[in-house]
Amino acid sequence: MISLFGCDRALVGDTDTEWSVWVPGPDDVHTRSSLAAALELAATLNAGFAHLRLSAPPSEYDPVMYAVVLHHGYAWTPETDHVHGTPCGRDTCTTGPCAQAPAAVGGVV
């Protein structure tokens, strides 16, 4: 099992890409221009995956599919970025490392 949020979290995307969405299994990474765009794609994909799971009788052979928002290649939550000492990407955040970051970080609330 891959660790996405712990202290030894895995890099699953490209560190040069600010925002992207990763789909494990097919191992697809979809680059997005902003946090809002990444969240929108992840929500759309996760809703589709949930619909597929609920539309047919479950089987032990069904793949588990989900989409994860990535920030510079790592699974993203504001708290995860803060724990690792990096700005979370939300414009209005003033917590932890975001308090010392430049005003325009490139994200959304």
PDB file of N, CA and C in Angstrom:
ATOM      1  N   MET A   1       0.840  -1.180   0.000  1.00  0.00           N
ATOM      2  CA  MET A   1       0.000   0.000   0.000  1.00  0.00           C
ATOM      3  C   MET A   1       0.885   1.243   0.000  1.00  0.00           C
ATOM      4  N   ILE A   2       0.489   2.219  -0.770  1.00  0.00           N
ATOM      5  CA  ILE A   2       1.255   3.451  -0.913  1.00  0.00           C
ATOM      6  C   ILE A   2       0.818   4.465   0.154  1.00  0.00           C
ATOM      7  N   SER A   3       1.771   5.149   0.748  1.00  0.00           N
ATOM      8  CA  SER A   3       1.473   6.168   1.753  1.00  0.00           C
ATOM      9  C   SER A   3       1.381   7.525   1.064  1.00  0.00           C
ATOM     10  N   LEU A   4       0.210   8.159   1.126  1.00  0.00           N
ATOM     11  CA  LEU A   4       0.017   9.435   0.449  1.00  0.00           C
ATOM     12  C   LEU A   4       0.127  10.644   1.370  1.00  0.00           C
ATOM     13  N   PHE A   5      -0.178  10.485   2.665  1.00  0.00           N
ATOM     14  CA  PHE A   5      -0.278  11.650   3.530  1.00  0.00           C
ATOM     15  C   PHE A   5       0.664  11.634   4.734  1.00  0.00           C
ATOM     16  N   GLY A   6       1.331  10.554   5.030  1.00  0.00           N
ATOM     17  CA  GLY A   6       2.183  10.466   6.214  1.00  0.00           C
ATOM     18  C   GLY A   6       3.504  11.201   6.050  1.00  0.00           C
ATOM     19  N   CYS A   7       4.350  11.064   7.060  1.00  0.00           N
ATOM     20  CA  CYS A   7       5.642  11.747   7.019  1.00  0.00           C
ATOM     21  C   CYS A   7       6.544  11.187   5.921  1.00  0.00           C
ATOM     22  N   ASP A   8       6.306   9.959   5.500  1.00  0.00           N
ATOM     23  CA  ASP A   8       7.094   9.361   4.419  1.00  0.00           C
ATOM     24  C   ASP A   8       6.232   9.205   3.161  1.00  0.00           C
ATOM     25  N   ARG A   9       5.443  10.235   2.872  1.00  0.00           N
ATOM     26  CA  ARG A   9       4.496  10.191   1.748  1.00  0.00           C
ATOM     27  C   ARG A   9       5.209   9.970   0.420  1.00  0.00           C
ATOM     28  N   ALA A  10       4.520   9.300  -0.475  1.00  0.00           N
ATOM     29  CA  ALA A  10       5.081   8.957  -1.777  1.00  0.00           C
ATOM     30  C   ALA A  10       4.860  10.080  -2.787  1.00  0.00           C
ATOM     31  N   LEU A  11       5.847  10.301  -3.609  1.00  0.00           N
ATOM     32  CA  LEU A  11       5.730  11.212  -4.741  1.00  0.00           C
ATOM     33  C   LEU A  11       5.094  10.422  -5.886  1.00  0.00           C
ATOM     34  N   VAL A  12       3.912  10.842  -6.339  1.00  0.00           N
ATOM     35  CA  VAL A  12       3.230  10.094  -7.404  1.00  0.00           C
ATOM     36  C   VAL A  12       3.067  10.914  -8.677  1.00  0.00           C
ATOM     37  N   GLY A  13       3.445  12.175  -8.633  1.00  0.00           N
ATOM     38  CA  GLY A  13       3.357  13.033  -9.808  1.00  0.00           C
ATOM     39  C   GLY A  13       4.681  13.721 -10.067  1.00  0.00           C
ATOM     40  N   ASP A  14       4.623  14.825 -10.790  1.00  0.00           N
ATOM     41  CA  ASP A  14       5.808  15.593 -11.169  1.00  0.00           C
ATOM     42  C   ASP A  14       5.953  16.802 -10.243  1.00  0.00           C
ATOM     43  N   THR A  15       7.099  16.951  -9.613  1.00  0.00           N
ATOM     44  CA  THR A  15       7.309  18.063  -8.680  1.00  0.00           C
ATOM     45  C   THR A  15       7.287  19.426  -9.377  1.00  0.00           C
ATOM     46  N   ASP A  16       7.504  19.466 -10.685  1.00  0.00           N
ATOM     47  CA  ASP A  16       7.474  20.728 -11.428  1.00  0.00           C
ATOM     48  C   ASP A  16       6.063  21.173 -11.803  1.00  0.00           C
ATOM     49  N   THR A  17       5.076  20.299 -11.613  1.00  0.00           N
ATOM     50  CA  THR A  17       3.691  20.622 -11.945  1.00  0.00           C
ATOM     51  C   THR A  17       2.963  21.016 -10.670  1.00  0.00           C
ATOM     52  N   GLU A  18       2.493  22.281 -10.613  1.00  0.00           N
ATOM     53  CA  GLU A  18       1.876  22.754  -9.368  1.00  0.00           C
ATOM     54  C   GLU A  18       0.616  21.970  -9.015  1.00  0.00           C
ATOM     55  N   TRP A  19      -0.338  21.850  -9.941  1.00  0.00           N
ATOM     56  CA  TRP A  19      -1.604  21.160  -9.653  1.00  0.00           C
ATOM     57  C   TRP A  19      -1.873  20.078 -10.685  1.00  0.00           C
ATOM     58  N   SER A  20      -2.264  18.906 -10.207  1.00  0.00           N
ATOM     59  CA  SER A  20      -2.656  17.807 -11.090  1.00  0.00           C
ATOM     60  C   SER A  20      -3.568  16.867 -10.321  1.00  0.00           C
ATOM     61  N   VAL A  21      -4.103  15.896 -11.034  1.00  0.00           N
ATOM     62  CA  VAL A  21      -4.985  14.884 -10.443  1.00  0.00           C
ATOM     63  C   VAL A  21      -4.459  13.526 -10.872  1.00  0.00           C
ATOM     64  N   TRP A  22      -4.290  12.649  -9.905  1.00  0.00           N
ATOM     65  CA  TRP A  22      -3.763  11.305 -10.144  1.00  0.00           C
ATOM     66  C   TRP A  22      -4.878  10.286  -9.970  1.00  0.00           C
ATOM     67  N   VAL A  23      -4.960   9.349 -10.914  1.00  0.00           N
ATOM     68  CA  VAL A  23      -5.891   8.227 -10.826  1.00  0.00           C
ATOM     69  C   VAL A  23      -5.061   6.957 -10.736  1.00  0.00           C
ATOM     70  N   PRO A  24      -4.985   6.356  -9.522  1.00  0.00           N
ATOM     71  CA  PRO A  24      -4.233   5.105  -9.389  1.00  0.00           C
ATOM     72  C   PRO A  24      -4.875   3.996 -10.211  1.00  0.00           C
ATOM     73  N   GLY A  25      -4.136   2.988 -10.487  1.00  0.00           N
ATOM     74  CA  GLY A  25      -4.638   1.893 -11.333  1.00  0.00           C
ATOM     75  C   GLY A  25      -4.103   2.108 -12.723  1.00  0.00           C
ATOM     76  N   PRO A  26      -4.787   2.945 -13.517  1.00  0.00           N
ATOM     77  CA  PRO A  26      -4.202   3.267 -14.816  1.00  0.00           C
ATOM     78  C   PRO A  26      -2.997   4.192 -14.677  1.00  0.00           C
ATOM     79  N   ASP A  27      -2.786   4.727 -13.471  1.00  0.00           N
ATOM     80  CA  ASP A  27      -1.649   5.597 -13.171  1.00  0.00           C
ATOM     81  C   ASP A  27      -1.625   6.814 -14.082  1.00  0.00           C
ATOM     82  N   ASP A  28      -2.796   7.411 -14.265  1.00  0.00           N
ATOM     83  CA  ASP A  28      -2.925   8.617 -15.074  1.00  0.00           C
ATOM     84  C   ASP A  28      -2.730   9.847 -14.207  1.00  0.00           C
ATOM     85  N   VAL A  29      -1.986  10.822 -14.704  1.00  0.00           N
ATOM     86  CA  VAL A  29      -1.838  12.111 -14.044  1.00  0.00           C
ATOM     87  C   VAL A  29      -2.314  13.176 -15.032  1.00  0.00           C
ATOM     88  N   HIS A  30      -3.291  13.968 -14.587  1.00  0.00           N
ATOM     89  CA  HIS A  30      -3.898  14.997 -15.422  1.00  0.00           C
ATOM     90  C   HIS A  30      -3.497  16.369 -14.885  1.00  0.00           C
ATOM     91  N   THR A  31      -2.730  17.123 -15.643  1.00  0.00           N
ATOM     92  CA  THR A  31      -2.276  18.445 -15.234  1.00  0.00           C
ATOM     93  C   THR A  31      -3.434  19.426 -15.294  1.00  0.00           C
ATOM     94  N   ARG A  32      -3.512  20.316 -14.277  1.00  0.00           N
ATOM     95  CA  ARG A  32      -4.534  21.350 -14.231  1.00  0.00           C
ATOM     96  C   ARG A  32      -3.874  22.692 -13.933  1.00  0.00           C
ATOM     97  N   SER A  33      -4.540  23.777 -14.309  1.00  0.00           N
ATOM     98  CA  SER A  33      -3.964  25.115 -14.185  1.00  0.00           C
ATOM     99  C   SER A  33      -4.114  25.731 -12.805  1.00  0.00           C
ATOM    100  N   SER A  34      -5.009  25.182 -11.980  1.00  0.00           N
ATOM    101  CA  SER A  34      -5.252  25.784 -10.667  1.00  0.00           C
ATOM    102  C   SER A  34      -5.781  24.729  -9.701  1.00  0.00           C
ATOM    103  N   LEU A  35      -5.793  25.092  -8.430  1.00  0.00           N
ATOM    104  CA  LEU A  35      -6.382  24.221  -7.416  1.00  0.00           C
ATOM    105  C   LEU A  35      -7.856  23.980  -7.711  1.00  0.00           C
ATOM    106  N   ALA A  36      -8.579  25.033  -8.082  1.00  0.00           N
ATOM    107  CA  ALA A  36     -10.008  24.888  -8.382  1.00  0.00           C
ATOM    108  C   ALA A  36     -10.243  23.884  -9.509  1.00  0.00           C
ATOM    109  N   ALA A  37      -9.440  23.970 -10.562  1.00  0.00           N
ATOM    110  CA  ALA A  37      -9.590  23.048 -11.693  1.00  0.00           C
ATOM    111  C   ALA A  37      -9.262  21.618 -11.284  1.00  0.00           C
ATOM    112  N   ALA A  38      -8.244  21.445 -10.431  1.00  0.00           N
ATOM    113  CA  ALA A  38      -7.888  20.098  -9.955  1.00  0.00           C
ATOM    114  C   ALA A  38      -8.992  19.525  -9.072  1.00  0.00           C
ATOM    115  N   LEU A  39      -9.536  20.346  -8.182  1.00  0.00           N
ATOM    116  CA  LEU A  39     -10.623  19.880  -7.322  1.00  0.00           C
ATOM    117  C   LEU A  39     -11.866  19.517  -8.130  1.00  0.00           C
ATOM    118  N   GLU A  40     -12.161  20.312  -9.155  1.00  0.00           N
ATOM    119  CA  GLU A  40     -13.321  20.034 -10.002  1.00  0.00           C
ATOM    120  C   GLU A  40     -13.156  18.703 -10.750  1.00  0.00           C
ATOM    121  N   LEU A  41     -11.982  18.471 -11.322  1.00  0.00           N
ATOM    122  CA  LEU A  41     -11.748  17.206 -12.030  1.00  0.00           C
ATOM    123  C   LEU A  41     -11.812  16.030 -11.068  1.00  0.00           C
ATOM    124  N   ALA A  42     -11.187  16.140  -9.900  1.00  0.00           N
ATOM    125  CA  ALA A  42     -11.200  15.042  -8.929  1.00  0.00           C
ATOM    126  C   ALA A  42     -12.625  14.740  -8.478  1.00  0.00           C
ATOM    127  N   ALA A  43     -13.429  15.778  -8.246  1.00  0.00           N
ATOM    128  CA  ALA A  43     -14.820  15.568  -7.837  1.00  0.00           C
ATOM    129  C   ALA A  43     -15.617  14.867  -8.936  1.00  0.00           C
ATOM    130  N   THR A  44     -15.425  15.293 -10.167  1.00  0.00           N
ATOM    131  CA  THR A  44     -16.127  14.675 -11.297  1.00  0.00           C
ATOM    132  C   THR A  44     -15.739  13.205 -11.446  1.00  0.00           C
ATOM    133  N   LEU A  45     -14.438  12.924 -11.398  1.00  0.00           N
ATOM    134  CA  LEU A  45     -13.978  11.539 -11.527  1.00  0.00           C
ATOM    135  C   LEU A  45     -14.475  10.675 -10.370  1.00  0.00           C
ATOM    136  N   ASN A  46     -14.368  11.182  -9.137  1.00  0.00           N
ATOM    137  CA  ASN A  46     -14.803  10.388  -7.977  1.00  0.00           C
ATOM    138  C   ASN A  46     -16.296  10.131  -8.001  1.00  0.00           C
ATOM    139  N   ALA A  47     -17.087  11.091  -8.472  1.00  0.00           N
ATOM    140  CA  ALA A  47     -18.530  10.865  -8.609  1.00  0.00           C
ATOM    141  C   ALA A  47     -18.801   9.774  -9.649  1.00  0.00           C
ATOM    142  N   GLY A  48     -18.067   9.808 -10.747  1.00  0.00           N
ATOM    143  CA  GLY A  48     -18.220   8.768 -11.770  1.00  0.00           C
ATOM    144  C   GLY A  48     -17.825   7.393 -11.265  1.00  0.00           C
ATOM    145  N   PHE A  49     -16.732   7.328 -10.512  1.00  0.00           N
ATOM    146  CA  PHE A  49     -16.293   6.045  -9.956  1.00  0.00           C
ATOM    147  C   PHE A  49     -17.315   5.504  -8.961  1.00  0.00           C
ATOM    148  N   ALA A  50     -17.888   6.382  -8.144  1.00  0.00           N
ATOM    149  CA  ALA A  50     -18.912   5.956  -7.177  1.00  0.00           C
ATOM    150  C   ALA A  50     -20.142   5.446  -7.907  1.00  0.00           C
ATOM    151  N   HIS A  51     -20.525   6.119  -8.978  1.00  0.00           N
ATOM    152  CA  HIS A  51     -21.685   5.679  -9.762  1.00  0.00           C
ATOM    153  C   HIS A  51     -21.447   4.286 -10.356  1.00  0.00           C
ATOM    154  N   LEU A  52     -20.251   4.054 -10.875  1.00  0.00           N
ATOM    155  CA  LEU A  52     -19.932   2.732 -11.427  1.00  0.00           C
ATOM    156  C   LEU A  52     -20.026   1.646 -10.361  1.00  0.00           C
ATOM    157  N   ARG A  53     -19.535   1.945  -9.151  1.00  0.00           N
ATOM    158  CA  ARG A  53     -19.570   0.961  -8.055  1.00  0.00           C
ATOM    159  C   ARG A  53     -21.002   0.638  -7.653  1.00  0.00           C
ATOM    160  N   LEU A  54     -21.881   1.628  -7.728  1.00  0.00           N
ATOM    161  CA  LEU A  54     -23.250   1.439  -7.254  1.00  0.00           C
ATOM    162  C   LEU A  54     -24.205   0.960  -8.345  1.00  0.00           C
ATOM    163  N   SER A  55     -23.784   0.978  -9.601  1.00  0.00           N
ATOM    164  CA  SER A  55     -24.692   0.656 -10.702  1.00  0.00           C
ATOM    165  C   SER A  55     -24.747  -0.829 -11.034  1.00  0.00           C
ATOM    166  N   ALA A  56     -23.895  -1.630 -10.444  1.00  0.00           N
ATOM    167  CA  ALA A  56     -23.889  -3.073 -10.723  1.00  0.00           C
ATOM    168  C   ALA A  56     -23.652  -3.814  -9.412  1.00  0.00           C
ATOM    169  N   PRO A  57     -24.046  -5.070  -9.355  1.00  0.00           N
ATOM    170  CA  PRO A  57     -23.768  -5.835  -8.143  1.00  0.00           C
ATOM    171  C   PRO A  57     -22.256  -5.883  -7.884  1.00  0.00           C
ATOM    172  N   PRO A  58     -21.844  -5.649  -6.635  1.00  0.00           N
ATOM    173  CA  PRO A  58     -20.404  -5.634  -6.350  1.00  0.00           C
ATOM    174  C   PRO A  58     -19.755  -6.996  -6.533  1.00  0.00           C
ATOM    175  N   SER A  59     -18.504  -6.956  -6.894  1.00  0.00           N
ATOM    176  CA  SER A  59     -17.711  -8.163  -7.057  1.00  0.00           C
ATOM    177  C   SER A  59     -16.370  -7.952  -6.366  1.00  0.00           C
ATOM    178  N   GLU A  60     -15.802  -9.012  -5.854  1.00  0.00           N
ATOM    179  CA  GLU A  60     -14.481  -8.891  -5.231  1.00  0.00           C
ATOM    180  C   GLU A  60     -13.410  -8.542  -6.253  1.00  0.00           C
ATOM    181  N   TYR A  61     -13.715  -8.649  -7.526  1.00  0.00           N
ATOM    182  CA  TYR A  61     -12.755  -8.354  -8.584  1.00  0.00           C
ATOM    183  C   TYR A  61     -12.889  -6.931  -9.130  1.00  0.00           C
ATOM    184  N   ASP A  62     -13.844  -6.162  -8.610  1.00  0.00           N
ATOM    185  CA  ASP A  62     -14.005  -4.782  -9.046  1.00  0.00           C
ATOM    186  C   ASP A  62     -12.782  -3.962  -8.633  1.00  0.00           C
ATOM    187  N   PRO A  63     -12.271  -3.160  -9.535  1.00  0.00           N
ATOM    188  CA  PRO A  63     -11.150  -2.298  -9.147  1.00  0.00           C
ATOM    189  C   PRO A  63     -11.643  -1.185  -8.231  1.00  0.00           C
ATOM    190  N   VAL A  64     -10.793  -0.750  -7.343  1.00  0.00           N
ATOM    191  CA  VAL A  64     -11.101   0.404  -6.507  1.00  0.00           C
ATOM    192  C   VAL A  64     -10.482   1.607  -7.196  1.00  0.00           C
ATOM    193  N   MET A  65     -11.319   2.526  -7.625  1.00  0.00           N
ATOM    194  CA  MET A  65     -10.848   3.685  -8.378  1.00  0.00           C
ATOM    195  C   MET A  65     -11.142   4.951  -7.590  1.00  0.00           C
ATOM    196  N   TYR A  66     -10.214   5.888  -7.621  1.00  0.00           N
ATOM    197  CA  TYR A  66     -10.413   7.192  -7.001  1.00  0.00           C
ATOM    198  C   TYR A  66      -9.430   8.169  -7.625  1.00  0.00           C
ATOM    199  N   ALA A  67      -9.720   9.448  -7.455  1.00  0.00           N
ATOM    200  CA  ALA A  67      -8.862  10.504  -7.968  1.00  0.00           C
ATOM    201  C   ALA A  67      -8.306  11.305  -6.797  1.00  0.00           C
ATOM    202  N   VAL A  68      -7.033  11.653  -6.864  1.00  0.00           N
ATOM    203  CA  VAL A  68      -6.345  12.369  -5.792  1.00  0.00           C
ATOM    204  C   VAL A  68      -5.759  13.661  -6.355  1.00  0.00           C
ATOM    205  N   VAL A  69      -6.051  14.789  -5.698  1.00  0.00           N
ATOM    206  CA  VAL A  69      -5.449  16.065  -6.095  1.00  0.00           C
ATOM    207  C   VAL A  69      -3.989  16.067  -5.648  1.00  0.00           C
ATOM    208  N   LEU A  70      -3.103  16.458  -6.563  1.00  0.00           N
ATOM    209  CA  LEU A  70      -1.667  16.533  -6.274  1.00  0.00           C
ATOM    210  C   LEU A  70      -1.197  17.979  -6.292  1.00  0.00           C
ATOM    211  N   HIS A  71      -0.321  18.313  -5.360  1.00  0.00           N
ATOM    212  CA  HIS A  71       0.333  19.624  -5.322  1.00  0.00           C
ATOM    213  C   HIS A  71       1.829  19.370  -5.417  1.00  0.00           C
ATOM    214  N   HIS A  72       2.410  19.765  -6.535  1.00  0.00           N
ATOM    215  CA  HIS A  72       3.825  19.490  -6.826  1.00  0.00           C
ATOM    216  C   HIS A  72       4.140  17.996  -6.675  1.00  0.00           C
ATOM    217  N   GLY A  73       3.225  17.147  -7.142  1.00  0.00           N
ATOM    218  CA  GLY A  73       3.468  15.705  -7.197  1.00  0.00           C
ATOM    219  C   GLY A  73       3.052  14.912  -5.977  1.00  0.00           C
ATOM    220  N   TYR A  74       2.657  15.578  -4.899  1.00  0.00           N
ATOM    221  CA  TYR A  74       2.264  14.888  -3.668  1.00  0.00           C
ATOM    222  C   TYR A  74       0.763  15.051  -3.424  1.00  0.00           C
ATOM    223  N   ALA A  75       0.133  14.052  -2.814  1.00  0.00           N
ATOM    224  CA  ALA A  75      -1.281  14.134  -2.463  1.00  0.00           C
ATOM    225  C   ALA A  75      -1.506  15.394  -1.636  1.00  0.00           C
ATOM    226  N   TRP A  76      -2.589  16.132  -1.959  1.00  0.00           N
ATOM    227  CA  TRP A  76      -2.798  17.443  -1.385  1.00  0.00           C
ATOM    228  C   TRP A  76      -3.935  17.482  -0.377  1.00  0.00           C
ATOM    229  N   THR A  77      -3.661  18.077   0.750  1.00  0.00           N
ATOM    230  CA  THR A  77      -4.635  18.680   1.663  1.00  0.00           C
ATOM    231  C   THR A  77      -3.887  19.866   2.249  1.00  0.00           C
ATOM    232  N   PRO A  78      -4.584  20.923   2.647  1.00  0.00           N
ATOM    233  CA  PRO A  78      -3.861  22.045   3.251  1.00  0.00           C
ATOM    234  C   PRO A  78      -3.037  21.599   4.455  1.00  0.00           C
ATOM    235  N   GLU A  79      -3.616  20.756   5.285  1.00  0.00           N
ATOM    236  CA  GLU A  79      -2.924  20.301   6.488  1.00  0.00           C
ATOM    237  C   GLU A  79      -1.654  19.525   6.155  1.00  0.00           C
ATOM    238  N   THR A  80      -1.709  18.694   5.122  1.00  0.00           N
ATOM    239  CA  THR A  80      -0.525  17.911   4.729  1.00  0.00           C
ATOM    240  C   THR A  80       0.601  18.842   4.290  1.00  0.00           C
ATOM    241  N   ASP A  81       0.272  19.841   3.466  1.00  0.00           N
ATOM    242  CA  ASP A  81       1.302  20.790   3.050  1.00  0.00           C
ATOM    243  C   ASP A  81       1.873  21.528   4.252  1.00  0.00           C
ATOM    244  N   HIS A  82       1.031  21.951   5.166  1.00  0.00           N
ATOM    245  CA  HIS A  82       1.507  22.686   6.344  1.00  0.00           C
ATOM    246  C   HIS A  82       2.431  21.824   7.208  1.00  0.00           C
ATOM    247  N   VAL A  83       2.073  20.579   7.414  1.00  0.00           N
ATOM    248  CA  VAL A  83       2.918  19.677   8.210  1.00  0.00           C
ATOM    249  C   VAL A  83       4.299  19.527   7.578  1.00  0.00           C
ATOM    250  N   HIS A  84       4.344  19.544   6.254  1.00  0.00           N
ATOM    251  CA  HIS A  84       5.618  19.388   5.545  1.00  0.00           C
ATOM    252  C   HIS A  84       6.315  20.725   5.300  1.00  0.00           C
ATOM    253  N   GLY A  85       5.760  21.807   5.871  1.00  0.00           N
ATOM    254  CA  GLY A  85       6.421  23.114   5.806  1.00  0.00           C
ATOM    255  C   GLY A  85       6.303  23.833   4.483  1.00  0.00           C
ATOM    256  N   THR A  86       5.302  23.491   3.671  1.00  0.00           N
ATOM    257  CA  THR A  86       5.123  24.155   2.386  1.00  0.00           C
ATOM    258  C   THR A  86       3.772  24.871   2.346  1.00  0.00           C
ATOM    259  N   PRO A  87       3.682  25.986   1.596  1.00  0.00           N
ATOM    260  CA  PRO A  87       2.402  26.678   1.449  1.00  0.00           C
ATOM    261  C   PRO A  87       1.376  25.761   0.785  1.00  0.00           C
ATOM    262  N   CYS A  88       0.125  25.870   1.229  1.00  0.00           N
ATOM    263  CA  CYS A  88      -0.914  24.943   0.763  1.00  0.00           C
ATOM    264  C   CYS A  88      -1.526  25.315  -0.577  1.00  0.00           C
ATOM    265  N   GLY A  89      -1.279  26.524  -1.083  1.00  0.00           N
ATOM    266  CA  GLY A  89      -1.796  26.900  -2.389  1.00  0.00           C
ATOM    267  C   GLY A  89      -3.107  27.650  -2.362  1.00  0.00           C
ATOM    268  N   ARG A  90      -3.677  27.895  -1.179  1.00  0.00           N
ATOM    269  CA  ARG A  90      -4.921  28.666  -1.093  1.00  0.00           C
ATOM    270  C   ARG A  90      -4.569  30.136  -0.885  1.00  0.00           C
ATOM    271  N   ASP A  91      -5.148  31.022  -1.696  1.00  0.00           N
ATOM    272  CA  ASP A  91      -4.824  32.447  -1.650  1.00  0.00           C
ATOM    273  C   ASP A  91      -5.035  33.083  -0.286  1.00  0.00           C
ATOM    274  N   THR A  92      -6.070  32.692   0.428  1.00  0.00           N
ATOM    275  CA  THR A  92      -6.417  33.363   1.686  1.00  0.00           C
ATOM    276  C   THR A  92      -5.852  32.685   2.924  1.00  0.00           C
ATOM    277  N   CYS A  93      -5.057  31.655   2.781  1.00  0.00           N
ATOM    278  CA  CYS A  93      -4.525  30.933   3.941  1.00  0.00           C
ATOM    279  C   CYS A  93      -3.429  31.755   4.619  1.00  0.00           C
ATOM    280  N   THR A  94      -3.515  31.852   5.943  1.00  0.00           N
ATOM    281  CA  THR A  94      -2.498  32.563   6.719  1.00  0.00           C
ATOM    282  C   THR A  94      -1.954  31.675   7.830  1.00  0.00           C
ATOM    283  N   THR A  95      -2.079  30.378   7.669  1.00  0.00           N
ATOM    284  CA  THR A  95      -1.656  29.413   8.676  1.00  0.00           C
ATOM    285  C   THR A  95      -0.266  28.868   8.360  1.00  0.00           C
ATOM    286  N   GLY A  96       0.528  28.643   9.385  1.00  0.00           N
ATOM    287  CA  GLY A  96       1.824  27.975   9.234  1.00  0.00           C
ATOM    288  C   GLY A  96       2.696  28.594   8.168  1.00  0.00           C
ATOM    289  N   PRO A  97       3.192  27.780   7.238  1.00  0.00           N
ATOM    290  CA  PRO A  97       4.122  28.282   6.216  1.00  0.00           C
ATOM    291  C   PRO A  97       3.471  29.292   5.271  1.00  0.00           C
ATOM    292  N   CYS A  98       2.142  29.299   5.185  1.00  0.00           N
ATOM    293  CA  CYS A  98       1.467  30.271   4.316  1.00  0.00           C
ATOM    294  C   CYS A  98       1.585  31.682   4.882  1.00  0.00           C
ATOM    295  N   ALA A  99       1.780  31.819   6.194  1.00  0.00           N
ATOM    296  CA  ALA A  99       1.942  33.139   6.799  1.00  0.00           C
ATOM    297  C   ALA A  99       3.229  33.802   6.332  1.00  0.00           C
ATOM    298  N   GLN A 100       4.237  33.009   5.978  1.00  0.00           N
ATOM    299  CA  GLN A 100       5.505  33.563   5.507  1.00  0.00           C
ATOM    300  C   GLN A 100       5.605  33.554   3.989  1.00  0.00           C
ATOM    301  N   ALA A 101       4.641  32.946   3.303  1.00  0.00           N
ATOM    302  CA  ALA A 101       4.696  32.830   1.843  1.00  0.00           C
ATOM    303  C   ALA A 101       4.272  34.141   1.177  1.00  0.00           C
ATOM    304  N   PRO A 102       4.653  34.342  -0.074  1.00  0.00           N
ATOM    305  CA  PRO A 102       4.179  35.520  -0.808  1.00  0.00           C
ATOM    306  C   PRO A 102       2.660  35.540  -0.858  1.00  0.00           C
ATOM    307  N   ALA A 103       2.072  36.729  -0.997  1.00  0.00           N
ATOM    308  CA  ALA A 103       0.613  36.885  -0.953  1.00  0.00           C
ATOM    309  C   ALA A 103      -0.096  36.061  -2.023  1.00  0.00           C
ATOM    310  N   ALA A 104       0.409  36.040  -3.240  1.00  0.00           N
ATOM    311  CA  ALA A 104      -0.260  35.294  -4.313  1.00  0.00           C
ATOM    312  C   ALA A 104       0.408  33.939  -4.450  1.00  0.00           C
ATOM    313  N   VAL A 105      -0.250  32.898  -3.924  1.00  0.00           N
ATOM    314  CA  VAL A 105       0.318  31.553  -3.982  1.00  0.00           C
ATOM    315  C   VAL A 105      -0.219  30.784  -5.180  1.00  0.00           C
ATOM    316  N   GLY A 106      -1.335  31.239  -5.743  1.00  0.00           N
ATOM    317  CA  GLY A 106      -1.834  30.614  -6.963  1.00  0.00           C
ATOM    318  C   GLY A 106      -2.977  29.649  -6.746  1.00  0.00           C
ATOM    319  N   GLY A 107      -3.664  29.674  -5.637  1.00  0.00           N
ATOM    320  CA  GLY A 107      -4.775  28.752  -5.408  1.00  0.00           C
ATOM    321  C   GLY A 107      -6.067  29.489  -5.169  1.00  0.00           C
ATOM    322  N   VAL A 108      -7.001  28.815  -4.556  1.00  0.00           N
ATOM    323  CA  VAL A 108      -8.297  29.387  -4.210  1.00  0.00           C
ATOM    324  C   VAL A 108      -8.629  29.011  -2.794  1.00  0.00           C
ATOM    325  N   VAL A 109      -9.676  29.620  -2.290  1.00  0.00           N
ATOM    326  CA  VAL A 109     -10.132  29.270  -0.934  1.00  0.00           C
ATOM    327  C   VAL A 109     -10.738  27.900  -0.953  1.00  0.00           C
TER     328      VAL A 109
END
